[in-house]
Amino acid sequence: MSPAAAPRIDHRLLGIIERGTGEAAADLTRTIGAAAEALGLARPSYEQVRTLLRRAQTERSEVTTVEVLLEIALRTRPAYDLRNWLYGDALPWRPGAHNEQRRK
């Protein structure tokens, strides 16, 4: 008999969670549960799916160094923002630029 909830989630299910960042956690949990049963795996709990979904959404919303460099090249951001970004400071709001703040 398999457990009702798994402590680790299979990498195939993690991929589904990462791609489903626009879905509600409850809907995604149902989708993951059906996929887990089809693969013969234990269904992850709602809390696990919600935590992993939140992490995936946070990672997607962070600004990357490449984005900052591109915005400098496109002149939507001044060059000194790169120095501030590399020091870990939050990027100020700029019109036309990606304005999410960096998490430390």
Protein backbone atom coordinates (compact mmCIF):
# COMPACT_ATOMS: atom_id res chain seq x y z
CA MET A 1 0.00 0.00 0.00
CA SER A 2 1.41 3.39 -0.97
CA PRO A 3 1.37 6.42 1.34
CA ALA A 4 -1.38 9.03 1.02
CA ALA A 5 1.14 11.86 0.67
CA ALA A 6 4.73 11.83 -0.55
CA PRO A 7 7.60 13.65 1.20
CA ARG A 8 9.40 14.17 -2.14
CA ILE A 9 7.81 15.09 -5.41
CA ASP A 10 8.97 13.46 -8.64
CA HIS A 11 10.79 15.71 -11.12
CA ARG A 12 8.06 15.15 -13.73
CA LEU A 13 5.47 16.55 -11.33
CA LEU A 14 7.76 19.46 -10.45
CA GLY A 15 7.87 20.37 -14.13
CA ILE A 16 4.09 20.52 -14.24
CA ILE A 17 4.06 22.78 -11.18
CA GLU A 18 6.65 25.14 -12.70
CA ARG A 19 4.68 25.43 -15.94
CA GLY A 20 1.38 25.99 -14.10
CA THR A 21 2.25 29.27 -12.38
CA GLY A 22 -0.87 30.97 -13.78
CA GLU A 23 -3.25 28.43 -12.21
CA ALA A 24 -4.81 28.45 -8.77
CA ALA A 25 -3.15 26.12 -6.25
CA ALA A 26 -6.30 24.02 -5.77
CA ASP A 27 -6.75 23.43 -9.51
CA LEU A 28 -3.08 22.64 -9.92
CA THR A 29 -3.23 20.18 -7.02
CA ARG A 30 -6.02 18.29 -8.80
CA THR A 31 -4.02 18.26 -12.04
CA ILE A 32 -0.88 17.06 -10.24
CA GLY A 33 -2.87 14.41 -8.39
CA ALA A 34 -4.26 13.01 -11.63
CA ALA A 35 -0.80 13.03 -13.23
CA ALA A 36 0.70 11.30 -10.17
CA GLU A 37 -1.93 8.55 -10.29
CA ALA A 38 -1.33 8.07 -14.03
CA LEU A 39 2.42 7.70 -13.35
CA GLY A 40 1.84 5.38 -10.38
CA LEU A 41 3.20 7.90 -7.88
CA ALA A 42 1.84 9.15 -4.57
CA ARG A 43 -0.31 12.29 -4.75
CA PRO A 44 1.44 15.35 -3.28
CA SER A 45 -0.42 17.30 -0.64
CA TYR A 46 -2.05 20.65 -1.28
CA GLU A 47 0.50 22.34 1.02
CA GLN A 48 3.42 20.92 -0.96
CA VAL A 49 1.97 22.03 -4.26
CA ARG A 50 1.12 25.48 -2.91
CA THR A 51 4.63 25.97 -1.48
CA LEU A 52 6.33 24.87 -4.70
CA LEU A 53 3.96 26.98 -6.79
CA ARG A 54 4.71 30.07 -4.70
CA ARG A 55 8.45 29.43 -5.07
CA ALA A 56 8.13 29.06 -8.86
CA GLN A 57 6.12 32.29 -9.10
CA THR A 58 8.71 34.16 -7.03
CA GLU A 59 11.59 32.89 -9.14
CA ARG A 60 9.82 33.93 -12.33
CA SER A 61 9.12 37.44 -11.08
CA GLU A 62 12.74 38.24 -10.20
CA VAL A 63 14.72 40.48 -12.50
CA THR A 64 17.85 38.87 -13.93
CA THR A 65 21.17 40.52 -14.70
CA VAL A 66 20.61 39.83 -18.40
CA GLU A 67 17.31 41.73 -18.26
CA VAL A 68 19.02 44.69 -16.59
CA LEU A 69 21.76 44.69 -19.26
CA LEU A 70 19.17 44.49 -22.03
CA GLU A 71 17.21 47.39 -20.57
CA ILE A 72 20.42 49.44 -20.38
CA ALA A 73 21.13 48.64 -24.05
CA LEU A 74 17.56 49.62 -24.97
CA ARG A 75 17.94 52.81 -22.91
CA THR A 76 14.98 52.11 -20.65
CA ARG A 77 17.31 52.05 -17.66
CA PRO A 78 20.44 54.14 -16.89
CA ALA A 79 23.83 52.38 -16.73
CA TYR A 80 24.32 53.05 -13.01
CA ASP A 81 21.33 50.77 -12.27
CA LEU A 82 23.61 47.82 -13.14
CA ARG A 83 26.06 48.78 -10.41
CA ASN A 84 23.23 49.14 -7.90
CA TRP A 85 21.73 45.81 -9.03
CA LEU A 86 25.05 43.99 -8.59
CA TYR A 87 25.39 45.44 -5.08
CA GLY A 88 21.98 43.98 -4.23
CA ASP A 89 19.96 47.19 -4.11
CA ALA A 90 16.36 47.21 -5.27
CA LEU A 91 15.89 48.65 -8.74
CA PRO A 92 13.93 51.90 -8.87
CA TRP A 93 10.80 52.07 -10.97
CA ARG A 94 11.52 53.08 -14.56
CA PRO A 95 8.94 53.55 -17.32
CA GLY A 96 9.21 50.78 -19.92
CA ALA A 97 11.52 48.60 -17.80
CA HIS A 98 10.96 45.40 -15.81
CA ASN A 99 10.23 46.83 -12.37
CA GLU A 100 10.00 43.87 -10.01
CA GLN A 101 12.23 44.23 -6.98
CA ARG A 102 15.09 41.84 -6.36
CA ARG A 103 14.77 39.50 -3.38
CA LYS A 104 17.81 38.86 -1.25
